[in-house]
Amino acid sequence: MAMPIKVLIVEDNTNLRQALKSLIALSDDFICVGDDDHCKPEIFFSDNEVPDVILMDIDLPGENGISYTRRIKEKYPFINILMLTVIEQEDKIMEAIYAGATGYLIKSAIPENILENIRILYKGGSPLTPSIARIIFQNVQNQQPNKKEKVHLNTRETEVLAGLVKGLTYKMIAAKHFISVDTVRSYIRCVYEKLEVHSRSEAIVKALNDKLI
């Protein structure tokens, strides 16, 4: 008999979290190894509780699910992470994918066939809500070959941008490079201007698309 698929739920909506746990408990093919309503500052799983799949919300209290996904994948790159969220903005979708998510479903209560989607993810597929798949295709199609000269960032600007991609706060970036928070803000303004973006998410997507770091 095959081992059950181990699932961890990270969702701050108590009713939805409990409903997902109950649904998983009804099937012998799955086992819930944990449920959290926030991102843990330290990431550690005991040997018998390492999840095969994590159901990850994005809009969580404190650290968001995209940043948490990035941290988890850095330590446990083999874990499959399925974003389960109400967020449909293109920049957030692409940022989640770049962070390491391998599936993205829009939740309206519990998505239809959620267990089947978990199984698909576990077996190597990437379940996507159809509207999300369309957004991803449009994003790829809009990435026309860049005929402009590659954006040139100096060493410090590149370091600050790398910090943004890693999900670091301004304060954390400042401490890492022994500069003030105001100096970090100044560098970020310069980076935004050079990249022709207006937000952290846009800067991250641009940096990864154009291989700036």
N, C-alpha and C. Protein backbone atom coordinates (compact mmCIF):
# COMPACT_ATOMS: atom_id res chain seq x y z
N MET A 1 0.84 -1.20 0.00
CA MET A 1 0.00 0.00 0.00
C MET A 1 0.88 1.25 0.00
N ALA A 2 0.55 2.20 -0.87
CA ALA A 2 1.35 3.42 -0.98
C ALA A 2 1.21 4.26 0.28
N MET A 3 2.30 4.95 0.61
CA MET A 3 2.27 5.85 1.76
C MET A 3 1.36 7.03 1.45
N PRO A 4 0.61 7.51 2.45
CA PRO A 4 -0.25 8.68 2.21
C PRO A 4 0.57 9.93 1.93
N ILE A 5 0.00 10.82 1.15
CA ILE A 5 0.65 12.09 0.84
C ILE A 5 0.52 13.01 2.05
N LYS A 6 1.66 13.48 2.53
CA LYS A 6 1.67 14.33 3.74
C LYS A 6 1.45 15.79 3.35
N VAL A 7 0.46 16.41 3.99
CA VAL A 7 0.05 17.77 3.63
C VAL A 7 0.15 18.69 4.85
N LEU A 8 0.74 19.86 4.63
CA LEU A 8 0.77 20.92 5.64
C LEU A 8 -0.10 22.06 5.14
N ILE A 9 -0.92 22.62 6.02
CA ILE A 9 -1.81 23.73 5.66
C ILE A 9 -1.32 25.00 6.34
N VAL A 10 -1.12 26.06 5.55
CA VAL A 10 -0.78 27.37 6.11
C VAL A 10 -1.87 28.34 5.66
N GLU A 11 -2.81 28.61 6.55
CA GLU A 11 -4.02 29.38 6.21
C GLU A 11 -4.54 30.06 7.47
N ASP A 12 -4.75 31.38 7.41
CA ASP A 12 -5.17 32.09 8.62
C ASP A 12 -6.69 32.13 8.80
N ASN A 13 -7.44 31.70 7.79
CA ASN A 13 -8.90 31.61 7.94
C ASN A 13 -9.22 30.31 8.67
N THR A 14 -9.66 30.42 9.91
CA THR A 14 -9.87 29.24 10.75
C THR A 14 -10.86 28.26 10.14
N ASN A 15 -11.98 28.77 9.64
CA ASN A 15 -13.00 27.89 9.07
C ASN A 15 -12.48 27.12 7.87
N LEU A 16 -11.76 27.81 6.99
CA LEU A 16 -11.23 27.15 5.81
C LEU A 16 -10.15 26.15 6.20
N ARG A 17 -9.30 26.53 7.14
CA ARG A 17 -8.23 25.63 7.58
C ARG A 17 -8.82 24.34 8.16
N GLN A 18 -9.83 24.48 8.99
CA GLN A 18 -10.46 23.30 9.60
C GLN A 18 -11.19 22.46 8.55
N ALA A 19 -11.80 23.13 7.58
CA ALA A 19 -12.51 22.40 6.52
C ALA A 19 -11.52 21.58 5.68
N LEU A 20 -10.37 22.18 5.38
CA LEU A 20 -9.35 21.46 4.62
C LEU A 20 -8.82 20.26 5.41
N LYS A 21 -8.59 20.46 6.70
CA LYS A 21 -8.14 19.35 7.56
C LYS A 21 -9.15 18.21 7.56
N SER A 22 -10.42 18.56 7.68
CA SER A 22 -11.47 17.55 7.73
C SER A 22 -11.55 16.79 6.41
N LEU A 23 -11.42 17.51 5.30
CA LEU A 23 -11.48 16.88 3.99
C LEU A 23 -10.31 15.91 3.80
N ILE A 24 -9.13 16.34 4.20
CA ILE A 24 -7.95 15.48 4.09
C ILE A 24 -8.10 14.23 4.96
N ALA A 25 -8.70 14.41 6.14
CA ALA A 25 -8.86 13.28 7.07
C ALA A 25 -9.82 12.22 6.53
N LEU A 26 -10.68 12.59 5.59
CA LEU A 26 -11.65 11.65 5.05
C LEU A 26 -11.04 10.67 4.06
N SER A 27 -9.83 10.95 3.60
CA SER A 27 -9.20 10.10 2.58
C SER A 27 -7.99 9.38 3.16
N ASP A 28 -7.88 8.10 2.87
CA ASP A 28 -6.72 7.32 3.31
C ASP A 28 -5.47 7.66 2.51
N ASP A 29 -5.64 8.38 1.40
CA ASP A 29 -4.50 8.71 0.53
C ASP A 29 -3.72 9.92 1.02
N PHE A 30 -4.26 10.62 2.04
CA PHE A 30 -3.64 11.85 2.51
C PHE A 30 -3.57 11.84 4.03
N ILE A 31 -2.60 12.58 4.56
CA ILE A 31 -2.53 12.79 6.00
C ILE A 31 -2.08 14.23 6.25
N CYS A 32 -2.75 14.91 7.15
CA CYS A 32 -2.38 16.29 7.50
C CYS A 32 -1.32 16.23 8.60
N VAL A 33 -0.12 16.72 8.29
CA VAL A 33 0.98 16.67 9.26
C VAL A 33 1.12 17.97 10.05
N GLY A 34 0.22 18.92 9.78
CA GLY A 34 0.27 20.17 10.53
C GLY A 34 -0.59 21.24 9.90
N ASP A 35 -0.95 22.23 10.71
CA ASP A 35 -1.68 23.38 10.18
C ASP A 35 -1.27 24.61 10.98
N ASP A 36 -0.99 25.69 10.26
CA ASP A 36 -0.55 26.93 10.88
C ASP A 36 -1.39 28.09 10.36
N ASP A 37 -1.54 29.12 11.20
CA ASP A 37 -2.27 30.31 10.76
C ASP A 37 -1.32 31.47 10.48
N HIS A 38 -0.01 31.20 10.50
CA HIS A 38 0.98 32.24 10.23
C HIS A 38 2.28 31.57 9.80
N CYS A 39 3.23 32.39 9.35
CA CYS A 39 4.53 31.88 8.94
C CYS A 39 5.44 31.76 10.15
N LYS A 40 6.11 30.64 10.27
CA LYS A 40 7.00 30.43 11.41
C LYS A 40 8.36 31.08 11.15
N PRO A 41 8.92 31.75 12.16
CA PRO A 41 10.23 32.39 11.97
C PRO A 41 11.34 31.38 11.70
N GLU A 42 11.24 30.21 12.31
CA GLU A 42 12.23 29.15 12.08
C GLU A 42 11.54 28.00 11.36
N ILE A 43 12.18 27.50 10.31
CA ILE A 43 11.60 26.42 9.52
C ILE A 43 12.30 25.11 9.85
N PHE A 44 11.56 24.18 10.44
CA PHE A 44 12.12 22.87 10.76
C PHE A 44 11.00 21.85 10.79
N PHE A 45 11.22 20.72 10.13
CA PHE A 45 10.28 19.60 10.16
C PHE A 45 11.02 18.37 10.64
N SER A 46 10.42 17.65 11.59
CA SER A 46 11.01 16.38 12.00
C SER A 46 10.89 15.39 10.84
N ASP A 47 11.70 14.34 10.88
CA ASP A 47 11.79 13.43 9.73
C ASP A 47 10.45 12.87 9.29
N ASN A 48 9.59 12.55 10.25
CA ASN A 48 8.31 11.93 9.89
C ASN A 48 7.21 12.95 9.63
N GLU A 49 7.54 14.24 9.70
CA GLU A 49 6.54 15.28 9.48
C GLU A 49 6.91 16.21 8.33
N VAL A 50 7.92 15.86 7.55
CA VAL A 50 8.26 16.68 6.38
C VAL A 50 7.13 16.55 5.37
N PRO A 51 6.45 17.64 5.04
CA PRO A 51 5.30 17.53 4.13
C PRO A 51 5.73 17.26 2.69
N ASP A 52 4.89 16.54 1.98
CA ASP A 52 5.09 16.37 0.54
C ASP A 52 4.54 17.58 -0.20
N VAL A 53 3.44 18.12 0.34
CA VAL A 53 2.75 19.26 -0.27
C VAL A 53 2.36 20.25 0.82
N ILE A 54 2.55 21.54 0.54
CA ILE A 54 2.08 22.59 1.44
C ILE A 54 1.01 23.40 0.72
N LEU A 55 -0.14 23.56 1.36
CA LEU A 55 -1.18 24.46 0.87
C LEU A 55 -0.91 25.82 1.50
N MET A 56 -0.56 26.80 0.68
CA MET A 56 -0.05 28.08 1.19
C MET A 56 -0.94 29.25 0.80
N ASP A 57 -1.48 29.93 1.80
CA ASP A 57 -2.17 31.20 1.55
C ASP A 57 -1.11 32.27 1.31
N ILE A 58 -1.48 33.38 0.69
CA ILE A 58 -0.54 34.48 0.49
C ILE A 58 -0.73 35.57 1.53
N ASP A 59 -1.97 36.00 1.71
CA ASP A 59 -2.26 37.13 2.60
C ASP A 59 -2.35 36.64 4.04
N LEU A 60 -1.19 36.51 4.67
CA LEU A 60 -1.11 36.02 6.05
C LEU A 60 -0.69 37.15 6.98
N PRO A 61 -1.00 37.05 8.26
CA PRO A 61 -0.55 38.09 9.20
C PRO A 61 0.97 38.05 9.33
N GLY A 62 1.60 39.21 9.34
CA GLY A 62 3.06 39.25 9.41
C GLY A 62 3.66 38.96 8.05
N GLU A 63 4.57 38.01 8.01
CA GLU A 63 5.21 37.62 6.74
C GLU A 63 4.18 37.03 5.79
N ASN A 64 4.27 37.37 4.51
CA ASN A 64 3.30 36.82 3.56
C ASN A 64 3.73 35.45 3.05
N GLY A 65 2.79 34.75 2.41
CA GLY A 65 3.04 33.39 1.98
C GLY A 65 4.07 33.26 0.88
N ILE A 66 4.26 34.31 0.09
CA ILE A 66 5.27 34.24 -0.98
C ILE A 66 6.67 34.24 -0.38
N SER A 67 6.90 35.14 0.56
CA SER A 67 8.20 35.18 1.23
C SER A 67 8.46 33.88 1.98
N TYR A 68 7.42 33.34 2.61
CA TYR A 68 7.54 32.08 3.36
C TYR A 68 7.86 30.93 2.40
N THR A 69 7.22 30.94 1.25
CA THR A 69 7.50 29.93 0.23
C THR A 69 8.97 29.96 -0.16
N ARG A 70 9.49 31.16 -0.37
CA ARG A 70 10.90 31.30 -0.76
C ARG A 70 11.82 30.73 0.33
N ARG A 71 11.51 31.01 1.58
CA ARG A 71 12.36 30.51 2.68
C ARG A 71 12.28 28.98 2.79
N ILE A 72 11.09 28.45 2.63
CA ILE A 72 10.93 26.99 2.72
C ILE A 72 11.68 26.30 1.59
N LYS A 73 11.56 26.83 0.37
CA LYS A 73 12.21 26.19 -0.77
C LYS A 73 13.73 26.26 -0.68
N GLU A 74 14.25 27.30 -0.02
CA GLU A 74 15.70 27.39 0.16
C GLU A 74 16.21 26.25 1.04
N LYS A 75 15.40 25.84 2.02
CA LYS A 75 15.82 24.80 2.96
C LYS A 75 15.34 23.42 2.54
N TYR A 76 14.14 23.36 1.95
CA TYR A 76 13.56 22.08 1.53
C TYR A 76 13.11 22.20 0.06
N PRO A 77 14.05 22.20 -0.88
CA PRO A 77 13.69 22.44 -2.28
C PRO A 77 12.78 21.39 -2.90
N PHE A 78 12.70 20.22 -2.28
CA PHE A 78 11.89 19.12 -2.82
C PHE A 78 10.42 19.21 -2.43
N ILE A 79 10.06 20.10 -1.49
CA ILE A 79 8.67 20.21 -1.07
C ILE A 79 7.85 20.94 -2.14
N ASN A 80 6.69 20.39 -2.47
CA ASN A 80 5.79 21.01 -3.43
C ASN A 80 4.89 22.02 -2.71
N ILE A 81 4.81 23.23 -3.23
CA ILE A 81 4.00 24.26 -2.59
C ILE A 81 2.90 24.72 -3.54
N LEU A 82 1.67 24.58 -3.08
CA LEU A 82 0.48 24.96 -3.85
C LEU A 82 -0.12 26.21 -3.23
N MET A 83 -0.05 27.33 -3.96
CA MET A 83 -0.64 28.57 -3.46
C MET A 83 -2.16 28.44 -3.53
N LEU A 84 -2.80 28.75 -2.42
CA LEU A 84 -4.26 28.67 -2.31
C LEU A 84 -4.73 30.02 -1.78
N THR A 85 -5.23 30.88 -2.67
CA THR A 85 -5.38 32.29 -2.33
C THR A 85 -6.53 32.92 -3.10
N VAL A 86 -6.89 34.14 -2.71
CA VAL A 86 -7.88 34.92 -3.46
C VAL A 86 -7.20 35.91 -4.40
N ILE A 87 -5.89 36.00 -4.33
CA ILE A 87 -5.14 37.02 -5.07
C ILE A 87 -4.95 36.60 -6.53
N GLU A 88 -5.33 37.49 -7.44
CA GLU A 88 -5.24 37.21 -8.87
C GLU A 88 -4.39 38.23 -9.62
N GLN A 89 -3.65 39.08 -8.90
CA GLN A 89 -2.80 40.07 -9.57
C GLN A 89 -1.61 39.39 -10.23
N GLU A 90 -1.31 39.81 -11.45
CA GLU A 90 -0.24 39.19 -12.22
C GLU A 90 1.10 39.24 -11.50
N ASP A 91 1.44 40.39 -10.90
CA ASP A 91 2.75 40.49 -10.27
C ASP A 91 2.89 39.51 -9.10
N LYS A 92 1.81 39.32 -8.34
CA LYS A 92 1.85 38.38 -7.21
C LYS A 92 1.94 36.93 -7.70
N ILE A 93 1.22 36.63 -8.77
CA ILE A 93 1.27 35.28 -9.33
C ILE A 93 2.69 34.94 -9.77
N MET A 94 3.30 35.85 -10.53
CA MET A 94 4.64 35.59 -11.04
C MET A 94 5.67 35.57 -9.90
N GLU A 95 5.47 36.43 -8.91
CA GLU A 95 6.39 36.44 -7.77
C GLU A 95 6.32 35.12 -7.02
N ALA A 96 5.11 34.57 -6.88
CA ALA A 96 4.94 33.28 -6.19
C ALA A 96 5.64 32.16 -6.97
N ILE A 97 5.52 32.20 -8.29
CA ILE A 97 6.17 31.18 -9.12
C ILE A 97 7.68 31.29 -8.99
N TYR A 98 8.21 32.51 -9.05
CA TYR A 98 9.65 32.69 -8.92
C TYR A 98 10.13 32.30 -7.52
N ALA A 99 9.25 32.42 -6.53
CA ALA A 99 9.63 32.04 -5.16
C ALA A 99 9.71 30.53 -5.00
N GLY A 100 9.09 29.79 -5.93
CA GLY A 100 9.18 28.33 -5.86
C GLY A 100 7.86 27.59 -5.86
N ALA A 101 6.74 28.31 -5.92
CA ALA A 101 5.44 27.64 -5.96
C ALA A 101 5.31 26.84 -7.26
N THR A 102 4.68 25.66 -7.18
CA THR A 102 4.51 24.83 -8.37
C THR A 102 3.04 24.60 -8.70
N GLY A 103 2.16 25.34 -8.05
CA GLY A 103 0.74 25.31 -8.37
C GLY A 103 0.10 26.56 -7.80
N TYR A 104 -1.03 26.97 -8.39
CA TYR A 104 -1.68 28.21 -7.95
C TYR A 104 -3.18 28.09 -8.18
N LEU A 105 -3.93 28.01 -7.09
CA LEU A 105 -5.38 27.88 -7.18
C LEU A 105 -6.06 29.05 -6.47
N ILE A 106 -7.14 29.54 -7.08
CA ILE A 106 -7.95 30.57 -6.45
C ILE A 106 -8.98 29.89 -5.56
N LYS A 107 -9.08 30.36 -4.34
CA LYS A 107 -10.01 29.72 -3.41
C LYS A 107 -11.33 30.47 -3.35
N SER A 108 -12.39 29.72 -3.41
CA SER A 108 -13.72 30.23 -3.12
C SER A 108 -14.29 29.16 -2.20
N ALA A 109 -14.14 29.41 -0.88
CA ALA A 109 -14.33 28.35 0.11
C ALA A 109 -13.26 27.30 -0.18
N ILE A 110 -13.64 26.05 -0.48
CA ILE A 110 -12.66 25.02 -0.83
C ILE A 110 -12.74 24.78 -2.33
N PRO A 111 -11.63 24.93 -3.05
CA PRO A 111 -11.67 24.70 -4.50
C PRO A 111 -12.16 23.30 -4.83
N GLU A 112 -12.88 23.21 -5.94
CA GLU A 112 -13.37 21.91 -6.38
C GLU A 112 -12.19 20.98 -6.66
N ASN A 113 -12.33 19.74 -6.28
CA ASN A 113 -11.30 18.72 -6.54
C ASN A 113 -9.95 19.07 -5.92
N ILE A 114 -9.95 19.67 -4.74
CA ILE A 114 -8.68 20.07 -4.12
C ILE A 114 -7.78 18.86 -3.87
N LEU A 115 -8.36 17.73 -3.46
CA LEU A 115 -7.54 16.54 -3.20
C LEU A 115 -6.90 16.03 -4.50
N GLU A 116 -7.65 16.06 -5.58
CA GLU A 116 -7.10 15.63 -6.86
C GLU A 116 -5.98 16.57 -7.31
N ASN A 117 -6.14 17.87 -7.03
CA ASN A 117 -5.09 18.82 -7.38
C ASN A 117 -3.83 18.59 -6.55
N ILE A 118 -4.00 18.23 -5.28
CA ILE A 118 -2.84 17.90 -4.45
C ILE A 118 -2.13 16.68 -5.02
N ARG A 119 -2.92 15.69 -5.44
CA ARG A 119 -2.34 14.47 -6.01
C ARG A 119 -1.58 14.78 -7.30
N ILE A 120 -2.15 15.64 -8.14
CA ILE A 120 -1.49 16.04 -9.39
C ILE A 120 -0.15 16.71 -9.09
N LEU A 121 -0.15 17.60 -8.10
CA LEU A 121 1.08 18.30 -7.73
C LEU A 121 2.13 17.32 -7.23
N TYR A 122 1.71 16.40 -6.40
CA TYR A 122 2.62 15.40 -5.82
C TYR A 122 3.25 14.53 -6.90
N LYS A 123 2.49 14.27 -7.97
CA LYS A 123 2.98 13.40 -9.04
C LYS A 123 3.76 14.15 -10.11
N GLY A 124 3.99 15.44 -9.89
CA GLY A 124 4.84 16.19 -10.81
C GLY A 124 4.14 17.19 -11.69
N GLY A 125 2.81 17.34 -11.53
CA GLY A 125 2.08 18.32 -12.31
C GLY A 125 2.03 19.68 -11.62
N SER A 126 1.39 20.63 -12.28
CA SER A 126 1.26 21.98 -11.71
C SER A 126 -0.19 22.44 -11.87
N PRO A 127 -1.03 22.16 -10.88
CA PRO A 127 -2.44 22.56 -10.98
C PRO A 127 -2.60 24.08 -10.96
N LEU A 128 -3.41 24.58 -11.89
CA LEU A 128 -3.65 26.01 -12.01
C LEU A 128 -5.14 26.26 -12.24
N THR A 129 -5.68 27.25 -11.56
CA THR A 129 -7.02 27.72 -11.90
C THR A 129 -6.95 28.27 -13.33
N PRO A 130 -7.93 27.96 -14.19
CA PRO A 130 -7.86 28.40 -15.60
C PRO A 130 -7.56 29.88 -15.78
N SER A 131 -8.16 30.74 -14.96
CA SER A 131 -7.91 32.18 -15.11
C SER A 131 -6.46 32.53 -14.78
N ILE A 132 -5.86 31.77 -13.88
CA ILE A 132 -4.45 32.00 -13.53
C ILE A 132 -3.55 31.52 -14.66
N ALA A 133 -3.90 30.39 -15.27
CA ALA A 133 -3.14 29.89 -16.41
C ALA A 133 -3.12 30.92 -17.54
N ARG A 134 -4.27 31.56 -17.78
CA ARG A 134 -4.34 32.58 -18.83
C ARG A 134 -3.40 33.75 -18.52
N ILE A 135 -3.40 34.19 -17.26
CA ILE A 135 -2.54 35.31 -16.87
C ILE A 135 -1.06 34.95 -17.07
N ILE A 136 -0.69 33.72 -16.73
CA ILE A 136 0.70 33.29 -16.89
C ILE A 136 1.09 33.26 -18.36
N PHE A 137 0.21 32.73 -19.21
CA PHE A 137 0.49 32.69 -20.65
C PHE A 137 0.65 34.11 -21.20
N GLN A 138 -0.23 35.01 -20.78
CA GLN A 138 -0.14 36.39 -21.26
C GLN A 138 1.15 37.04 -20.81
N ASN A 139 1.57 36.74 -19.58
CA ASN A 139 2.82 37.29 -19.08
C ASN A 139 4.00 36.83 -19.92
N VAL A 140 4.03 35.53 -20.24
CA VAL A 140 5.12 34.99 -21.05
C VAL A 140 5.10 35.58 -22.46
N GLN A 141 3.89 35.69 -23.04
CA GLN A 141 3.78 36.23 -24.39
C GLN A 141 4.18 37.70 -24.46
N ASN A 142 3.99 38.41 -23.35
CA ASN A 142 4.33 39.83 -23.33
C ASN A 142 5.81 40.09 -23.11
N GLN A 143 6.55 39.02 -22.79
CA GLN A 143 7.98 39.18 -22.57
C GLN A 143 8.70 39.19 -23.92
N GLN A 144 8.57 40.29 -24.64
CA GLN A 144 9.22 40.43 -25.94
C GLN A 144 10.73 40.54 -25.75
N PRO A 145 11.49 40.09 -26.76
CA PRO A 145 12.95 40.25 -26.66
C PRO A 145 13.31 41.70 -26.39
N ASN A 146 14.15 41.90 -25.42
CA ASN A 146 14.52 43.25 -25.01
C ASN A 146 15.61 43.80 -25.93
N LYS A 147 15.22 44.77 -26.76
CA LYS A 147 16.17 45.34 -27.71
C LYS A 147 16.96 46.48 -27.09
N LYS A 148 16.56 46.89 -25.89
CA LYS A 148 17.29 47.95 -25.22
C LYS A 148 18.56 47.37 -24.61
N GLU A 149 19.49 48.25 -24.30
CA GLU A 149 20.67 47.80 -23.58
C GLU A 149 20.25 47.30 -22.20
N LYS A 150 20.95 46.30 -21.73
CA LYS A 150 20.65 45.76 -20.41
C LYS A 150 20.81 46.84 -19.36
N VAL A 151 19.87 46.87 -18.42
CA VAL A 151 19.94 47.85 -17.34
C VAL A 151 21.22 47.64 -16.55
N HIS A 152 21.92 48.73 -16.30
CA HIS A 152 23.17 48.63 -15.53
C HIS A 152 22.93 49.10 -14.10
N LEU A 153 23.14 48.20 -13.16
CA LEU A 153 23.06 48.53 -11.75
C LEU A 153 24.46 48.45 -11.15
N ASN A 154 24.77 49.39 -10.27
CA ASN A 154 26.08 49.29 -9.62
C ASN A 154 26.03 48.20 -8.56
N THR A 155 27.17 47.94 -7.95
CA THR A 155 27.27 46.81 -7.01
C THR A 155 26.28 46.92 -5.86
N ARG A 156 26.18 48.11 -5.25
CA ARG A 156 25.29 48.27 -4.11
C ARG A 156 23.83 48.15 -4.53
N GLU A 157 23.47 48.71 -5.67
CA GLU A 157 22.10 48.59 -6.16
C GLU A 157 21.74 47.13 -6.40
N THR A 158 22.69 46.37 -6.94
CA THR A 158 22.45 44.94 -7.18
C THR A 158 22.26 44.20 -5.86
N GLU A 159 23.05 44.55 -4.85
CA GLU A 159 22.93 43.91 -3.54
C GLU A 159 21.58 44.22 -2.91
N VAL A 160 21.14 45.46 -3.02
CA VAL A 160 19.85 45.86 -2.45
C VAL A 160 18.71 45.15 -3.19
N LEU A 161 18.80 45.07 -4.51
CA LEU A 161 17.78 44.38 -5.30
C LEU A 161 17.74 42.90 -4.94
N ALA A 162 18.89 42.30 -4.74
CA ALA A 162 18.96 40.88 -4.34
C ALA A 162 18.26 40.68 -3.00
N GLY A 163 18.41 41.66 -2.10
CA GLY A 163 17.74 41.59 -0.81
C GLY A 163 16.23 41.60 -0.96
N LEU A 164 15.73 42.43 -1.88
CA LEU A 164 14.29 42.47 -2.14
C LEU A 164 13.80 41.13 -2.65
N VAL A 165 14.54 40.54 -3.57
CA VAL A 165 14.15 39.25 -4.15
C VAL A 165 14.10 38.17 -3.07
N LYS A 166 15.00 38.25 -2.10
CA LYS A 166 15.04 37.26 -1.02
C LYS A 166 13.98 37.51 0.05
N GLY A 167 13.22 38.61 -0.10
CA GLY A 167 12.16 38.89 0.85
C GLY A 167 12.63 39.63 2.10
N LEU A 168 13.83 40.22 2.06
CA LEU A 168 14.34 40.94 3.22
C LEU A 168 13.64 42.29 3.37
N THR A 169 13.49 42.74 4.59
CA THR A 169 12.95 44.07 4.85
C THR A 169 14.06 45.10 4.64
N TYR A 170 13.67 46.38 4.56
CA TYR A 170 14.67 47.44 4.42
C TYR A 170 15.66 47.40 5.58
N LYS A 171 15.14 47.16 6.78
CA LYS A 171 16.00 47.12 7.97
C LYS A 171 17.00 45.97 7.88
N MET A 172 16.54 44.83 7.40
CA MET A 172 17.43 43.66 7.27
C MET A 172 18.50 43.90 6.22
N ILE A 173 18.12 44.55 5.11
CA ILE A 173 19.09 44.87 4.06
C ILE A 173 20.14 45.84 4.60
N ALA A 174 19.66 46.84 5.35
CA ALA A 174 20.57 47.83 5.92
C ALA A 174 21.58 47.17 6.86
N ALA A 175 21.10 46.29 7.72
CA ALA A 175 21.98 45.62 8.68
C ALA A 175 22.98 44.72 7.97
N LYS A 176 22.54 44.05 6.93
CA LYS A 176 23.42 43.12 6.21
C LYS A 176 24.59 43.85 5.55
N HIS A 177 24.33 45.07 5.06
CA HIS A 177 25.36 45.79 4.31
C HIS A 177 25.94 46.98 5.07
N PHE A 178 25.58 47.07 6.36
CA PHE A 178 26.13 48.11 7.25
C PHE A 178 25.88 49.52 6.71
N ILE A 179 24.64 49.74 6.29
CA ILE A 179 24.22 51.06 5.83
C ILE A 179 22.92 51.41 6.53
N SER A 180 22.49 52.66 6.43
CA SER A 180 21.27 53.08 7.10
C SER A 180 20.04 52.70 6.27
N VAL A 181 18.89 52.67 6.94
CA VAL A 181 17.64 52.38 6.25
C VAL A 181 17.35 53.45 5.21
N ASP A 182 17.65 54.71 5.54
CA ASP A 182 17.45 55.80 4.57
C ASP A 182 18.31 55.59 3.33
N THR A 183 19.52 55.09 3.52
CA THR A 183 20.38 54.81 2.37
C THR A 183 19.80 53.69 1.52
N VAL A 184 19.24 52.68 2.18
CA VAL A 184 18.58 51.60 1.45
C VAL A 184 17.44 52.16 0.60
N ARG A 185 16.64 53.03 1.20
CA ARG A 185 15.52 53.63 0.47
C ARG A 185 16.02 54.41 -0.75
N SER A 186 17.14 55.10 -0.58
CA SER A 186 17.71 55.88 -1.67
C SER A 186 18.13 54.96 -2.82
N TYR A 187 18.79 53.86 -2.48
CA TYR A 187 19.20 52.90 -3.51
C TYR A 187 17.99 52.29 -4.21
N ILE A 188 16.95 51.99 -3.43
CA ILE A 188 15.75 51.38 -4.01
C ILE A 188 15.07 52.34 -4.98
N ARG A 189 15.04 53.63 -4.63
CA ARG A 189 14.48 54.62 -5.56
C ARG A 189 15.25 54.61 -6.88
N CYS A 190 16.57 54.53 -6.78
CA CYS A 190 17.40 54.49 -7.99
C CYS A 190 17.13 53.22 -8.80
N VAL A 191 16.99 52.10 -8.10
CA VAL A 191 16.72 50.82 -8.77
C VAL A 191 15.37 50.89 -9.49
N TYR A 192 14.35 51.40 -8.80
CA TYR A 192 13.02 51.51 -9.41
C TYR A 192 13.08 52.37 -10.67
N GLU A 193 13.82 53.46 -10.58
CA GLU A 193 13.92 54.38 -11.73
C GLU A 193 14.60 53.69 -12.91
N LYS A 194 15.69 52.98 -12.63
CA LYS A 194 16.42 52.30 -13.71
C LYS A 194 15.61 51.16 -14.32
N LEU A 195 14.85 50.46 -13.48
CA LEU A 195 14.06 49.33 -13.97
C LEU A 195 12.72 49.77 -14.55
N GLU A 196 12.38 51.04 -14.32
CA GLU A 196 11.09 51.60 -14.77
C GLU A 196 9.93 50.83 -14.14
N VAL A 197 10.01 50.66 -12.82
CA VAL A 197 8.95 49.98 -12.06
C VAL A 197 8.52 50.89 -10.92
N HIS A 198 7.43 50.49 -10.25
CA HIS A 198 6.88 51.33 -9.20
C HIS A 198 6.60 50.58 -7.90
N SER A 199 6.96 49.30 -7.85
CA SER A 199 6.68 48.54 -6.63
C SER A 199 7.72 47.44 -6.46
N ARG A 200 7.78 46.93 -5.24
CA ARG A 200 8.70 45.83 -4.91
C ARG A 200 8.43 44.61 -5.79
N SER A 201 7.14 44.26 -5.93
CA SER A 201 6.78 43.08 -6.73
C SER A 201 7.22 43.23 -8.18
N GLU A 202 6.99 44.42 -8.75
CA GLU A 202 7.40 44.66 -10.14
C GLU A 202 8.92 44.58 -10.27
N ALA A 203 9.64 45.10 -9.28
CA ALA A 203 11.10 45.06 -9.32
C ALA A 203 11.61 43.63 -9.28
N ILE A 204 10.98 42.79 -8.45
CA ILE A 204 11.40 41.40 -8.33
C ILE A 204 11.16 40.65 -9.64
N VAL A 205 9.97 40.84 -10.22
CA VAL A 205 9.66 40.17 -11.49
C VAL A 205 10.63 40.62 -12.58
N LYS A 206 10.90 41.92 -12.64
CA LYS A 206 11.82 42.46 -13.65
C LYS A 206 13.23 41.91 -13.44
N ALA A 207 13.67 41.87 -12.19
CA ALA A 207 15.01 41.38 -11.89
C ALA A 207 15.19 39.93 -12.32
N LEU A 208 14.17 39.12 -12.06
CA LEU A 208 14.27 37.70 -12.40
C LEU A 208 14.09 37.46 -13.90
N ASN A 209 13.16 38.19 -14.51
CA ASN A 209 12.96 38.04 -15.96
C ASN A 209 14.20 38.45 -16.75
N ASP A 210 14.84 39.55 -16.32
CA ASP A 210 16.00 40.08 -17.04
C ASP A 210 17.33 39.56 -16.52
N LYS A 211 17.24 38.61 -15.54
CA LYS A 211 18.46 37.99 -14.98
C LYS A 211 19.45 39.05 -14.50
N LEU A 212 18.94 39.98 -13.70
CA LEU A 212 19.79 41.06 -13.19
C LEU A 212 20.57 40.66 -11.95
N ILE A 213 20.17 39.55 -11.33
CA ILE A 213 20.88 39.09 -10.13
C ILE A 213 21.20 37.60 -10.26
